[in-house]
Structures are given as C-alpha cells and as structure tokens.
Amino acid sequence: MATRHVRNPPRGGTHSRVPFARYKYHSPPRLTSLFPPSLSTPLRRSYLRPCHSPSTTTRPRSSPSLSPSSNPTSTSGSGSPRGRTSPSSMRPNRGWNRTGAVPLPAEPDRAAAPSPAEERRLRRMISNRESARRSRMRKKRHLEELRSRLARHRAENRELAARLAGAAHLSALLRRDSDRLRAESASLRRRLALARRVLLFRRLHLLASSPKAPL
C-alpha cells in the first residue's frame, strides 16, 4: 500500500509534506440481516455505509481555548504521525468552561473568610466540647469521691464486723455465766425451803413434848 502525503496548512510561510499514517481498512461486517426487508433501500444504504472511509474523514475543529500545539490533528516538527495528542493537551484548563469562551469565576476561599453561620457553628462546637470535657472531669471527680467513700465504708465495715464478733463472744460468755448463776440460785432456794421446813418440824415437836402447865 502506498504512503499518502497530506499538505499541511501554511505555517511560517513554508509548505511541508508530512507522511500520513498507514491504515489498514477492513471491509465492514454485513448488517443486512439486522434490518427488516420493509425498510427502504436508501435508509439501509445510509446505515450500511462504512464510517471509516478515507474520503469521509473530517478534520476536527480547533477550540479557541486550545493552543495550536495542543490540536490533536497537528503534527510536530519531528515528523510524528497526525492524530496523536500530548498529555499536557488532555489536561482540563482550570478557570475555563467546556467551550473555552468565557472564564469561570474562581471559588471563594472559605478558610480565609468563613461565614457567620460557620463561625457560630465552630463556636457552638467548641463550647460543646468544653462542656463535655467539664462534664467528664466532674463525673471523674465524683467517681473518685465515691470510690474513696466506698473504701472508707469498707474499712469501717471490717472494723465493725470485728467488734461485733468480739461482742458476740463476750455475750456468749456472759450468757453461760448467767445460766450457771441461775442454776445456783435455784439450788439455794430449794435448800432454804428445806431448812425452813426442818425448823418448823422441830418447833412443833418441842411444843408437843413439853409438860402442861397447872391450872
């Protein structure tokens, strides 16, 4: 296949011929089976027409916001093939819209000049954090106080338990002594009652054995 030469537009008053890239054209697949026979013949021809024919290729229009070097159809001085774009030309141009005609306004710097609502929100957030920190510290102090009181009450409870055990032991001793004294008191009462009965019998016997006095 022979190499085609395409004449570039004049640049700097000179004309240069750049070899066009070799393309292998393949016959398009037959799509007649996709269309029903009821369609008209011109419509089928318009659908079946090859879209990559060299005669039907058109040159894309250049955008006014792009430089001539970033045009995808331009050629470099080193003789590179047409149709290749550099990575720098594919980057979006900030500050311009898609058409490249009118520059877009720059976004305001929110960090430099925050709005009053944002300031109120920040102040409210800071105050909430401070109040939460004070609440945590207050709860922590209260918890430490409760723990100290619990330790003190536990010590007092142990001391009272020891004293209660001593008092219970002493109460058991006193109860045993009291039972012993009660038993002794009961035996002494029985002996006293027996002694009184014996004394009464002796008096009656003396009265019965003594002589009668004369009238």
N, C-alpha and C. Protein backbone atom coordinates (compact mmCIF):
# COMPACT_ATOMS: atom_id res chain seq x y z
N MET A 1 0.86 -1.19 0.00
CA MET A 1 0.00 0.00 0.00
C MET A 1 0.89 1.23 0.00
N ALA A 2 0.61 2.18 -0.85
CA ALA A 2 1.46 3.37 -0.97
C ALA A 2 1.16 4.34 0.15
N THR A 3 2.16 5.19 0.46
CA THR A 3 2.04 6.19 1.52
C THR A 3 1.46 7.45 0.95
N ARG A 4 0.42 7.96 1.62
CA ARG A 4 -0.23 9.19 1.16
C ARG A 4 0.40 10.38 1.84
N HIS A 5 0.50 11.48 1.14
CA HIS A 5 1.03 12.72 1.67
C HIS A 5 -0.09 13.75 1.70
N VAL A 6 -0.24 14.39 2.86
CA VAL A 6 -1.29 15.40 3.04
C VAL A 6 -0.62 16.74 3.24
N ARG A 7 -1.08 17.69 2.53
CA ARG A 7 -0.49 19.03 2.63
C ARG A 7 -1.03 19.73 3.88
N ASN A 8 -0.11 20.18 4.74
CA ASN A 8 -0.49 20.92 5.95
C ASN A 8 -0.78 22.36 5.61
N PRO A 9 -1.57 23.05 6.47
CA PRO A 9 -1.77 24.49 6.23
C PRO A 9 -0.47 25.23 6.37
N PRO A 10 -0.29 26.32 5.68
CA PRO A 10 1.00 27.07 5.71
C PRO A 10 1.28 27.56 7.11
N ARG A 11 2.48 27.37 7.58
CA ARG A 11 2.95 27.82 8.90
C ARG A 11 4.32 28.48 8.70
N GLY A 12 4.35 29.74 9.01
CA GLY A 12 5.62 30.47 8.87
C GLY A 12 6.00 30.71 7.42
N GLY A 13 5.01 30.66 6.50
CA GLY A 13 5.30 30.96 5.11
C GLY A 13 5.88 29.81 4.34
N THR A 14 5.97 28.62 4.87
CA THR A 14 6.55 27.46 4.18
C THR A 14 5.52 26.37 4.11
N HIS A 15 5.66 25.50 3.16
CA HIS A 15 4.81 24.34 2.99
C HIS A 15 5.62 23.10 3.24
N SER A 16 5.08 22.17 3.99
CA SER A 16 5.78 20.93 4.30
C SER A 16 4.85 19.77 4.05
N ARG A 17 5.42 18.69 3.63
CA ARG A 17 4.68 17.46 3.40
C ARG A 17 5.02 16.47 4.51
N VAL A 18 4.02 15.97 5.19
CA VAL A 18 4.22 15.01 6.28
C VAL A 18 3.55 13.71 5.88
N PRO A 19 4.25 12.61 5.95
CA PRO A 19 3.63 11.34 5.56
C PRO A 19 2.47 11.00 6.47
N PHE A 20 1.38 10.63 5.87
CA PHE A 20 0.18 10.22 6.61
C PHE A 20 0.34 8.79 7.08
N ALA A 21 -0.16 8.47 8.27
CA ALA A 21 -0.02 7.12 8.83
C ALA A 21 -0.74 6.12 7.97
N ARG A 22 -0.14 4.95 7.90
CA ARG A 22 -0.74 3.88 7.11
C ARG A 22 -1.87 3.23 7.91
N TYR A 23 -2.97 3.11 7.29
CA TYR A 23 -4.12 2.49 7.91
C TYR A 23 -4.56 1.31 7.07
N LYS A 24 -4.93 0.27 7.71
CA LYS A 24 -5.47 -0.91 7.03
C LYS A 24 -6.98 -0.87 7.19
N TYR A 25 -7.62 -0.76 6.07
CA TYR A 25 -9.07 -0.67 6.09
C TYR A 25 -9.65 -2.06 5.88
N HIS A 26 -10.52 -2.44 6.72
CA HIS A 26 -11.19 -3.73 6.63
C HIS A 26 -12.62 -3.50 6.17
N SER A 27 -13.10 -4.42 5.48
CA SER A 27 -14.48 -4.32 5.00
C SER A 27 -15.43 -4.43 6.18
N PRO A 28 -16.42 -3.54 6.28
CA PRO A 28 -17.35 -3.59 7.42
C PRO A 28 -18.19 -4.84 7.38
N PRO A 29 -18.63 -5.32 8.51
CA PRO A 29 -19.47 -6.53 8.53
C PRO A 29 -20.82 -6.27 7.89
N ARG A 30 -21.33 -7.29 7.33
CA ARG A 30 -22.64 -7.19 6.67
C ARG A 30 -23.73 -7.11 7.74
N LEU A 31 -24.48 -6.02 7.67
CA LEU A 31 -25.54 -5.79 8.65
C LEU A 31 -26.92 -5.87 8.01
N THR A 32 -26.98 -6.48 6.84
CA THR A 32 -28.29 -6.54 6.17
C THR A 32 -29.27 -7.40 6.93
N SER A 33 -28.73 -8.36 7.72
CA SER A 33 -29.64 -9.23 8.46
C SER A 33 -30.27 -8.54 9.66
N LEU A 34 -29.69 -7.37 10.06
CA LEU A 34 -30.23 -6.66 11.22
C LEU A 34 -31.43 -5.81 10.87
N PHE A 35 -31.62 -5.50 9.57
CA PHE A 35 -32.71 -4.61 9.17
C PHE A 35 -33.79 -5.43 8.50
N PRO A 36 -35.02 -5.16 8.79
CA PRO A 36 -36.10 -5.91 8.13
C PRO A 36 -36.23 -5.51 6.67
N PRO A 37 -36.77 -6.34 5.85
CA PRO A 37 -36.89 -6.01 4.43
C PRO A 37 -37.88 -4.89 4.17
N SER A 38 -38.70 -4.53 5.17
CA SER A 38 -39.69 -3.47 4.94
C SER A 38 -39.07 -2.09 4.84
N LEU A 39 -37.81 -1.94 5.34
CA LEU A 39 -37.17 -0.62 5.25
C LEU A 39 -36.84 -0.30 3.81
N SER A 40 -36.79 1.00 3.52
CA SER A 40 -36.47 1.43 2.16
C SER A 40 -35.00 1.22 1.86
N THR A 41 -34.66 1.19 0.62
CA THR A 41 -33.27 0.94 0.21
C THR A 41 -32.35 2.09 0.57
N PRO A 42 -32.71 3.38 0.39
CA PRO A 42 -31.78 4.47 0.80
C PRO A 42 -31.47 4.46 2.29
N LEU A 43 -32.48 4.13 3.11
CA LEU A 43 -32.22 4.10 4.56
C LEU A 43 -31.26 2.99 4.91
N ARG A 44 -31.42 1.83 4.25
CA ARG A 44 -30.49 0.73 4.51
C ARG A 44 -29.09 1.10 4.03
N ARG A 45 -28.99 1.80 2.91
CA ARG A 45 -27.68 2.21 2.42
C ARG A 45 -27.01 3.20 3.37
N SER A 46 -27.82 4.10 3.95
CA SER A 46 -27.24 5.06 4.89
C SER A 46 -26.72 4.37 6.15
N TYR A 47 -27.39 3.30 6.58
CA TYR A 47 -26.92 2.56 7.75
C TYR A 47 -25.76 1.66 7.43
N LEU A 48 -25.71 1.13 6.20
CA LEU A 48 -24.65 0.20 5.83
C LEU A 48 -23.44 0.90 5.27
N ARG A 49 -23.44 2.22 5.19
CA ARG A 49 -22.29 2.94 4.65
C ARG A 49 -21.12 2.86 5.63
N PRO A 50 -19.91 2.54 5.19
CA PRO A 50 -18.75 2.48 6.12
C PRO A 50 -18.45 3.85 6.67
N CYS A 51 -18.17 3.88 7.98
CA CYS A 51 -17.92 5.16 8.66
C CYS A 51 -16.46 5.51 8.74
N HIS A 52 -15.53 4.63 8.36
CA HIS A 52 -14.10 4.90 8.46
C HIS A 52 -13.45 5.02 7.09
N SER A 53 -14.18 5.49 6.13
CA SER A 53 -13.61 5.65 4.80
C SER A 53 -12.69 6.86 4.78
N PRO A 54 -11.57 6.81 4.03
CA PRO A 54 -10.67 7.98 3.98
C PRO A 54 -11.33 9.19 3.37
N SER A 55 -12.29 8.97 2.46
CA SER A 55 -12.93 10.11 1.80
C SER A 55 -13.92 10.81 2.71
N THR A 56 -14.43 10.11 3.73
CA THR A 56 -15.44 10.69 4.61
C THR A 56 -14.87 11.23 5.90
N THR A 57 -13.57 11.09 6.14
CA THR A 57 -12.97 11.61 7.37
C THR A 57 -12.92 13.11 7.32
N THR A 58 -13.25 13.73 8.43
CA THR A 58 -13.24 15.20 8.53
C THR A 58 -12.26 15.62 9.58
N ARG A 59 -11.72 16.78 9.41
CA ARG A 59 -10.76 17.31 10.36
C ARG A 59 -11.50 18.01 11.49
N PRO A 60 -11.24 17.67 12.75
CA PRO A 60 -11.95 18.32 13.86
C PRO A 60 -11.59 19.78 13.97
N ARG A 61 -12.60 20.54 14.35
CA ARG A 61 -12.38 21.97 14.52
C ARG A 61 -11.60 22.25 15.79
N SER A 62 -10.74 23.22 15.68
CA SER A 62 -9.90 23.58 16.83
C SER A 62 -10.68 24.48 17.76
N SER A 63 -10.48 24.31 19.06
CA SER A 63 -11.15 25.13 20.06
C SER A 63 -10.39 26.42 20.26
N PRO A 64 -11.07 27.54 20.46
CA PRO A 64 -10.33 28.80 20.67
C PRO A 64 -9.53 28.83 21.94
N SER A 65 -9.88 27.96 22.94
CA SER A 65 -9.14 27.97 24.19
C SER A 65 -7.89 27.14 24.14
N LEU A 66 -7.69 26.34 23.05
CA LEU A 66 -6.52 25.48 22.96
C LEU A 66 -5.50 26.12 22.06
N SER A 67 -4.26 25.89 22.37
CA SER A 67 -3.16 26.42 21.57
C SER A 67 -2.98 25.58 20.33
N PRO A 68 -2.29 26.07 19.29
CA PRO A 68 -2.06 25.26 18.08
C PRO A 68 -1.27 24.01 18.37
N SER A 69 -0.39 24.04 19.38
CA SER A 69 0.40 22.84 19.67
C SER A 69 -0.41 21.74 20.30
N SER A 70 -1.57 22.10 20.96
CA SER A 70 -2.41 21.10 21.60
C SER A 70 -3.49 20.58 20.69
N ASN A 71 -3.54 20.99 19.39
CA ASN A 71 -4.54 20.50 18.45
C ASN A 71 -4.27 19.04 18.16
N PRO A 72 -5.25 18.15 18.30
CA PRO A 72 -4.98 16.71 18.09
C PRO A 72 -4.63 16.38 16.67
N THR A 73 -4.96 17.23 15.66
CA THR A 73 -4.66 16.91 14.26
C THR A 73 -3.39 17.54 13.78
N SER A 74 -2.70 18.34 14.63
CA SER A 74 -1.46 19.00 14.20
C SER A 74 -0.31 18.04 14.31
N THR A 75 0.73 18.29 13.56
CA THR A 75 1.93 17.45 13.53
C THR A 75 3.07 18.21 14.14
N SER A 76 3.98 17.50 14.77
CA SER A 76 5.17 18.10 15.37
C SER A 76 6.25 18.24 14.33
N GLY A 77 7.27 18.99 14.68
CA GLY A 77 8.37 19.21 13.76
C GLY A 77 9.22 18.00 13.56
N SER A 78 9.16 17.00 14.43
CA SER A 78 9.98 15.81 14.30
C SER A 78 9.37 14.79 13.38
N GLY A 79 8.17 15.09 12.79
CA GLY A 79 7.57 14.16 11.83
C GLY A 79 6.76 13.08 12.48
N SER A 80 6.18 13.33 13.66
CA SER A 80 5.34 12.32 14.30
C SER A 80 4.03 12.21 13.56
N PRO A 81 3.35 11.07 13.57
CA PRO A 81 2.09 10.90 12.82
C PRO A 81 1.01 11.78 13.40
N ARG A 82 0.08 12.17 12.50
CA ARG A 82 -1.03 13.02 12.90
C ARG A 82 -2.04 12.23 13.72
N GLY A 83 -2.82 12.96 14.52
CA GLY A 83 -3.89 12.32 15.29
C GLY A 83 -3.49 12.00 16.71
N ARG A 84 -2.21 12.21 17.12
CA ARG A 84 -1.79 11.94 18.48
C ARG A 84 -1.79 13.23 19.28
N THR A 85 -2.21 13.13 20.55
CA THR A 85 -2.28 14.29 21.43
C THR A 85 -1.31 14.11 22.58
N SER A 86 -0.72 15.20 23.02
CA SER A 86 0.21 15.15 24.14
C SER A 86 -0.54 15.10 25.44
N PRO A 87 0.07 14.56 26.51
CA PRO A 87 -0.66 14.50 27.80
C PRO A 87 -1.00 15.86 28.34
N SER A 88 -0.16 16.90 28.02
CA SER A 88 -0.46 18.23 28.54
C SER A 88 -1.69 18.82 27.91
N SER A 89 -1.98 18.44 26.63
CA SER A 89 -3.17 18.98 25.97
C SER A 89 -4.44 18.33 26.45
N MET A 90 -4.34 17.14 27.05
CA MET A 90 -5.54 16.44 27.53
C MET A 90 -5.96 16.89 28.90
N ARG A 91 -5.12 17.67 29.63
CA ARG A 91 -5.49 18.14 30.96
C ARG A 91 -6.52 19.24 30.86
N PRO A 92 -7.52 19.25 31.76
CA PRO A 92 -8.53 20.32 31.71
C PRO A 92 -7.93 21.65 32.14
N ASN A 93 -8.36 22.71 31.45
CA ASN A 93 -7.87 24.05 31.75
C ASN A 93 -8.74 24.64 32.84
N ARG A 94 -8.16 24.82 34.03
CA ARG A 94 -8.93 25.36 35.15
C ARG A 94 -9.20 26.84 34.92
N GLY A 95 -10.39 27.26 35.33
CA GLY A 95 -10.78 28.65 35.13
C GLY A 95 -11.56 28.87 33.86
N TRP A 96 -11.68 27.87 33.01
CA TRP A 96 -12.44 27.97 31.77
C TRP A 96 -13.53 26.92 31.77
N ASN A 97 -14.64 27.23 31.07
CA ASN A 97 -15.71 26.25 30.97
C ASN A 97 -15.42 25.27 29.84
N ARG A 98 -16.38 24.46 29.50
CA ARG A 98 -16.15 23.42 28.49
C ARG A 98 -15.94 24.02 27.11
N THR A 99 -16.64 25.09 26.79
CA THR A 99 -16.47 25.69 25.47
C THR A 99 -15.19 26.46 25.35
N GLY A 100 -14.63 26.92 26.49
CA GLY A 100 -13.39 27.68 26.44
C GLY A 100 -13.56 29.11 26.05
N ALA A 101 -14.78 29.65 26.05
CA ALA A 101 -15.00 31.02 25.60
C ALA A 101 -14.99 32.00 26.76
N VAL A 102 -15.67 31.68 27.86
CA VAL A 102 -15.81 32.60 28.98
C VAL A 102 -15.15 31.99 30.20
N PRO A 103 -14.24 32.68 30.90
CA PRO A 103 -13.60 32.11 32.09
C PRO A 103 -14.59 32.02 33.23
N LEU A 104 -14.51 30.93 33.99
CA LEU A 104 -15.38 30.72 35.15
C LEU A 104 -14.87 31.50 36.34
N PRO A 105 -15.74 31.99 37.21
CA PRO A 105 -15.27 32.71 38.41
C PRO A 105 -14.59 31.77 39.38
N ALA A 106 -13.53 32.26 40.01
CA ALA A 106 -12.78 31.44 40.97
C ALA A 106 -13.60 31.23 42.22
N GLU A 107 -13.45 30.05 42.84
CA GLU A 107 -14.18 29.74 44.07
C GLU A 107 -13.65 30.56 45.23
N PRO A 108 -14.52 31.09 46.08
CA PRO A 108 -14.03 31.88 47.23
C PRO A 108 -13.34 31.01 48.25
N ASP A 109 -12.36 31.57 48.89
CA ASP A 109 -11.60 30.85 49.90
C ASP A 109 -12.39 30.85 51.20
N ARG A 110 -12.97 29.69 51.54
CA ARG A 110 -13.79 29.61 52.75
C ARG A 110 -12.95 29.64 54.01
N ALA A 111 -11.73 29.10 53.94
CA ALA A 111 -10.90 29.08 55.14
C ALA A 111 -10.44 30.48 55.52
N ALA A 112 -10.25 31.36 54.51
CA ALA A 112 -9.76 32.71 54.81
C ALA A 112 -10.87 33.57 55.41
N ALA A 113 -12.09 33.49 54.86
CA ALA A 113 -13.18 34.33 55.34
C ALA A 113 -14.40 33.45 55.57
N PRO A 114 -14.53 32.80 56.73
CA PRO A 114 -15.70 31.95 56.98
C PRO A 114 -16.95 32.78 57.18
N SER A 115 -18.07 32.20 56.89
CA SER A 115 -19.34 32.89 57.02
C SER A 115 -19.74 32.96 58.50
N PRO A 116 -20.66 33.89 58.85
CA PRO A 116 -21.11 33.96 60.26
C PRO A 116 -21.75 32.67 60.75
N ALA A 117 -22.49 31.99 59.87
CA ALA A 117 -23.08 30.72 60.29
C ALA A 117 -22.01 29.69 60.60
N GLU A 118 -20.94 29.70 59.78
CA GLU A 118 -19.83 28.77 60.05
C GLU A 118 -19.12 29.12 61.35
N GLU A 119 -18.95 30.44 61.61
CA GLU A 119 -18.33 30.85 62.88
C GLU A 119 -19.18 30.44 64.07
N ARG A 120 -20.51 30.64 63.96
CA ARG A 120 -21.39 30.22 65.05
C ARG A 120 -21.33 28.72 65.26
N ARG A 121 -21.29 27.98 64.16
CA ARG A 121 -21.21 26.53 64.28
C ARG A 121 -19.91 26.10 64.94
N LEU A 122 -18.78 26.78 64.57
CA LEU A 122 -17.50 26.44 65.18
C LEU A 122 -17.50 26.79 66.67
N ARG A 123 -18.05 27.98 67.02
CA ARG A 123 -18.10 28.36 68.43
C ARG A 123 -18.98 27.41 69.23
N ARG A 124 -20.12 27.03 68.65
CA ARG A 124 -21.00 26.08 69.33
C ARG A 124 -20.32 24.71 69.49
N MET A 125 -19.57 24.30 68.48
CA MET A 125 -18.86 23.02 68.58
C MET A 125 -17.79 23.09 69.66
N ILE A 126 -17.05 24.23 69.72
CA ILE A 126 -16.01 24.37 70.74
C ILE A 126 -16.63 24.41 72.13
N SER A 127 -17.74 25.15 72.27
CA SER A 127 -18.40 25.21 73.59
C SER A 127 -18.95 23.84 73.99
N ASN A 128 -19.48 23.10 73.03
CA ASN A 128 -19.97 21.75 73.35
C ASN A 128 -18.83 20.85 73.78
N ARG A 129 -17.69 20.98 73.12
CA ARG A 129 -16.54 20.17 73.52
C ARG A 129 -16.05 20.54 74.91
N GLU A 130 -16.03 21.85 75.21
CA GLU A 130 -15.60 22.28 76.54
C GLU A 130 -16.57 21.80 77.61
N SER A 131 -17.88 21.93 77.34
CA SER A 131 -18.85 21.46 78.33
C SER A 131 -18.77 19.95 78.51
N ALA A 132 -18.54 19.23 77.41
CA ALA A 132 -18.38 17.77 77.54
C ALA A 132 -17.14 17.42 78.33
N ARG A 133 -16.05 18.20 78.13
CA ARG A 133 -14.82 17.95 78.89
C ARG A 133 -15.03 18.24 80.37
N ARG A 134 -15.72 19.37 80.68
CA ARG A 134 -16.01 19.67 82.08
C ARG A 134 -16.92 18.61 82.70
N SER A 135 -17.91 18.15 81.94
CA SER A 135 -18.79 17.10 82.45
C SER A 135 -18.01 15.82 82.72
N ARG A 136 -17.09 15.47 81.82
CA ARG A 136 -16.28 14.27 82.06
C ARG A 136 -15.40 14.43 83.29
N MET A 137 -14.80 15.62 83.47
CA MET A 137 -13.97 15.84 84.65
C MET A 137 -14.81 15.80 85.92
N ARG A 138 -16.02 16.39 85.87
CA ARG A 138 -16.89 16.37 87.04
C ARG A 138 -17.31 14.94 87.38
N LYS A 139 -17.66 14.17 86.36
CA LYS A 139 -18.02 12.77 86.61
C LYS A 139 -16.84 11.98 87.13
N LYS A 140 -15.65 12.30 86.62
CA LYS A 140 -14.45 11.59 87.09
C LYS A 140 -14.18 11.89 88.55
N ARG A 141 -14.30 13.19 88.94
CA ARG A 141 -14.10 13.54 90.35
C ARG A 141 -15.16 12.89 91.23
N HIS A 142 -16.41 12.91 90.77
CA HIS A 142 -17.48 12.27 91.55
C HIS A 142 -17.22 10.77 91.70
N LEU A 143 -16.75 10.13 90.63
CA LEU A 143 -16.45 8.70 90.70
C LEU A 143 -15.30 8.42 91.66
N GLU A 144 -14.26 9.27 91.63
CA GLU A 144 -13.15 9.09 92.57
C GLU A 144 -13.62 9.30 94.01
N GLU A 145 -14.50 10.29 94.23
CA GLU A 145 -15.03 10.51 95.58
C GLU A 145 -15.86 9.31 96.04
N LEU A 146 -16.67 8.77 95.14
CA LEU A 146 -17.46 7.58 95.50
C LEU A 146 -16.56 6.39 95.82
N ARG A 147 -15.48 6.25 95.06
CA ARG A 147 -14.56 5.15 95.32
C ARG A 147 -13.87 5.31 96.68
N SER A 148 -13.47 6.56 97.01
CA SER A 148 -12.85 6.78 98.32
C SER A 148 -13.84 6.52 99.45
N ARG A 149 -15.08 6.97 99.28
CA ARG A 149 -16.10 6.70 100.29
C ARG A 149 -16.36 5.21 100.43
N LEU A 150 -16.37 4.51 99.32
CA LEU A 150 -16.57 3.06 99.37
C LEU A 150 -15.44 2.36 100.11
N ALA A 151 -14.19 2.80 99.86
CA ALA A 151 -13.06 2.20 100.58
C ALA A 151 -13.15 2.50 102.07
N ARG A 152 -13.54 3.75 102.42
CA ARG A 152 -13.67 4.11 103.83
C ARG A 152 -14.79 3.31 104.50
N HIS A 153 -15.92 3.18 103.83
CA HIS A 153 -17.02 2.40 104.40
C HIS A 153 -16.66 0.92 104.54
N ARG A 154 -15.89 0.41 103.59
CA ARG A 154 -15.46 -0.98 103.71
C ARG A 154 -14.53 -1.18 104.91
N ALA A 155 -13.65 -0.21 105.14
CA ALA A 155 -12.77 -0.31 106.32
C ALA A 155 -13.59 -0.24 107.60
N GLU A 156 -14.55 0.71 107.64
CA GLU A 156 -15.41 0.79 108.82
C GLU A 156 -16.23 -0.49 109.00
N ASN A 157 -16.67 -1.06 107.89
CA ASN A 157 -17.45 -2.30 107.98
C ASN A 157 -16.60 -3.44 108.54
N ARG A 158 -15.35 -3.53 108.10
CA ARG A 158 -14.47 -4.56 108.65
C ARG A 158 -14.24 -4.34 110.15
N GLU A 159 -14.04 -3.08 110.54
CA GLU A 159 -13.83 -2.79 111.96
C GLU A 159 -15.07 -3.12 112.78
N LEU A 160 -16.24 -2.73 112.28
CA LEU A 160 -17.47 -3.04 113.00
C LEU A 160 -17.73 -4.55 113.05
N ALA A 161 -17.36 -5.25 111.98
CA ALA A 161 -17.54 -6.71 111.99
C ALA A 161 -16.65 -7.35 113.04
N ALA A 162 -15.41 -6.83 113.18
CA ALA A 162 -14.52 -7.38 114.22
C ALA A 162 -15.07 -7.09 115.61
N ARG A 163 -15.56 -5.86 115.81
CA ARG A 163 -16.13 -5.52 117.10
C ARG A 163 -17.39 -6.34 117.39
N LEU A 164 -18.19 -6.57 116.36
CA LEU A 164 -19.39 -7.39 116.55
C LEU A 164 -19.03 -8.83 116.91
N ALA A 165 -17.98 -9.35 116.29
CA ALA A 165 -17.55 -10.71 116.64
C ALA A 165 -17.09 -10.78 118.10
N GLY A 166 -16.33 -9.75 118.54
CA GLY A 166 -15.90 -9.71 119.95
C GLY A 166 -17.08 -9.60 120.90
N ALA A 167 -18.05 -8.74 120.55
CA ALA A 167 -19.23 -8.59 121.40
C ALA A 167 -20.04 -9.88 121.46
N ALA A 168 -20.13 -10.58 120.33
CA ALA A 168 -20.87 -11.85 120.32
C ALA A 168 -20.18 -12.89 121.19
N HIS A 169 -18.84 -12.92 121.15
CA HIS A 169 -18.11 -13.86 122.01
C HIS A 169 -18.32 -13.52 123.48
N LEU A 170 -18.23 -12.23 123.82
CA LEU A 170 -18.45 -11.81 125.20
C LEU A 170 -19.88 -12.10 125.65
N SER A 171 -20.84 -11.90 124.76
CA SER A 171 -22.24 -12.20 125.09
C SER A 171 -22.43 -13.69 125.36
N ALA A 172 -21.74 -14.52 124.60
CA ALA A 172 -21.84 -15.97 124.85
C ALA A 172 -21.28 -16.32 126.21
N LEU A 173 -20.15 -15.69 126.58
CA LEU A 173 -19.57 -15.95 127.90
C LEU A 173 -20.51 -15.50 129.01
N LEU A 174 -21.07 -14.31 128.87
CA LEU A 174 -21.98 -13.80 129.88
C LEU A 174 -23.24 -14.65 129.97
N ARG A 175 -23.72 -15.13 128.87
CA ARG A 175 -24.91 -15.98 128.89
C ARG A 175 -24.62 -17.29 129.62
N ARG A 176 -23.44 -17.83 129.44
CA ARG A 176 -23.07 -19.07 130.14
C ARG A 176 -22.96 -18.83 131.64
N ASP A 177 -22.34 -17.71 132.02
CA ASP A 177 -22.25 -17.37 133.45
C ASP A 177 -23.64 -17.14 134.04
N SER A 178 -24.48 -16.50 133.29
CA SER A 178 -25.84 -16.24 133.78
C SER A 178 -26.60 -17.55 133.99
N ASP A 179 -26.43 -18.47 133.10
CA ASP A 179 -27.10 -19.77 133.28
C ASP A 179 -26.56 -20.50 134.51
N ARG A 180 -25.27 -20.41 134.73
CA ARG A 180 -24.68 -21.05 135.92
C ARG A 180 -25.21 -20.42 137.20
N LEU A 181 -25.27 -19.09 137.22
CA LEU A 181 -25.77 -18.39 138.41
C LEU A 181 -27.25 -18.68 138.65
N ARG A 182 -27.99 -18.81 137.60
CA ARG A 182 -29.40 -19.15 137.76
C ARG A 182 -29.56 -20.56 138.35
N ALA A 183 -28.73 -21.45 137.90
CA ALA A 183 -28.80 -22.82 138.47
C ALA A 183 -28.42 -22.82 139.94
N GLU A 184 -27.40 -22.10 140.35
CA GLU A 184 -27.00 -22.00 141.75
C GLU A 184 -28.10 -21.35 142.59
N SER A 185 -28.72 -20.31 142.03
CA SER A 185 -29.81 -19.63 142.76
C SER A 185 -30.98 -20.58 143.00
N ALA A 186 -31.30 -21.40 142.02
CA ALA A 186 -32.41 -22.36 142.19
C ALA A 186 -32.07 -23.40 143.25
N SER A 187 -30.85 -23.89 143.26
CA SER A 187 -30.45 -24.88 144.28
C SER A 187 -30.45 -24.25 145.67
N LEU A 188 -30.01 -23.02 145.82
CA LEU A 188 -30.02 -22.35 147.11
C LEU A 188 -31.46 -22.12 147.61
N ARG A 189 -32.36 -21.80 146.71
CA ARG A 189 -33.75 -21.64 147.10
C ARG A 189 -34.33 -22.95 147.62
N ARG A 190 -34.02 -24.04 146.96
CA ARG A 190 -34.51 -25.34 147.42
C ARG A 190 -33.95 -25.69 148.81
N ARG A 191 -32.65 -25.43 149.03
CA ARG A 191 -32.03 -25.70 150.32
C ARG A 191 -32.65 -24.81 151.43
N LEU A 192 -32.92 -23.56 151.08
CA LEU A 192 -33.54 -22.67 152.07
C LEU A 192 -34.95 -23.13 152.44
N ALA A 193 -35.70 -23.56 151.46
CA ALA A 193 -37.06 -24.06 151.76
C ALA A 193 -37.01 -25.32 152.63
N LEU A 194 -36.06 -26.20 152.36
CA LEU A 194 -35.90 -27.41 153.17
C LEU A 194 -35.50 -27.07 154.62
N ALA A 195 -34.62 -26.07 154.77
CA ALA A 195 -34.19 -25.67 156.12
C ALA A 195 -35.36 -25.07 156.89
N ARG A 196 -36.17 -24.29 156.29
CA ARG A 196 -37.32 -23.72 156.96
C ARG A 196 -38.29 -24.83 157.38
N ARG A 197 -38.50 -25.81 156.54
CA ARG A 197 -39.41 -26.91 156.89
C ARG A 197 -38.88 -27.72 158.10
N VAL A 198 -37.59 -27.95 158.09
CA VAL A 198 -36.99 -28.70 159.23
C VAL A 198 -37.14 -27.90 160.53
N LEU A 199 -36.91 -26.63 160.45
CA LEU A 199 -37.05 -25.78 161.64
C LEU A 199 -38.50 -25.78 162.16
N LEU A 200 -39.44 -25.76 161.28
CA LEU A 200 -40.84 -25.78 161.69
C LEU A 200 -41.20 -27.10 162.36
N PHE A 201 -40.71 -28.20 161.83
CA PHE A 201 -40.98 -29.50 162.45
C PHE A 201 -40.37 -29.57 163.85
N ARG A 202 -39.20 -29.04 164.07
CA ARG A 202 -38.55 -29.05 165.39
C ARG A 202 -39.38 -28.25 166.41
N ARG A 203 -39.87 -27.12 166.02
CA ARG A 203 -40.68 -26.32 166.94
C ARG A 203 -41.97 -27.09 167.33
N LEU A 204 -42.58 -27.70 166.34
CA LEU A 204 -43.80 -28.46 166.67
C LEU A 204 -43.50 -29.65 167.61
N HIS A 205 -42.41 -30.30 167.41
CA HIS A 205 -42.03 -31.43 168.28
C HIS A 205 -41.74 -30.96 169.72
N LEU A 206 -41.08 -29.82 169.85
CA LEU A 206 -40.82 -29.28 171.18
C LEU A 206 -42.12 -28.89 171.91
N LEU A 207 -43.00 -28.33 171.17
CA LEU A 207 -44.28 -27.95 171.79
C LEU A 207 -45.09 -29.20 172.22
N ALA A 208 -45.00 -30.23 171.46
CA ALA A 208 -45.76 -31.45 171.79
C ALA A 208 -45.14 -32.22 172.97
N SER A 209 -43.84 -32.18 173.12
CA SER A 209 -43.17 -32.95 174.19
C SER A 209 -43.07 -32.17 175.52
N SER A 210 -43.34 -30.95 175.60
CA SER A 210 -43.24 -30.18 176.85
C SER A 210 -44.47 -30.45 177.73
N PRO A 211 -44.34 -30.53 179.24
CA PRO A 211 -45.48 -30.80 180.13
C PRO A 211 -46.46 -29.62 180.13
N LYS A 212 -47.71 -30.01 180.50
CA LYS A 212 -48.72 -28.97 180.51
C LYS A 212 -48.59 -28.12 181.78
N ALA A 213 -48.86 -26.92 181.70
CA ALA A 213 -48.77 -26.01 182.85
C ALA A 213 -50.01 -26.21 183.77
N PRO A 214 -49.86 -26.07 185.17
CA PRO A 214 -51.00 -26.25 186.08
C PRO A 214 -52.03 -25.14 185.90
N LEU A 215 -53.31 -25.48 186.14
CA LEU A 215 -54.41 -24.51 186.05
C LEU A 215 -54.41 -23.63 187.28
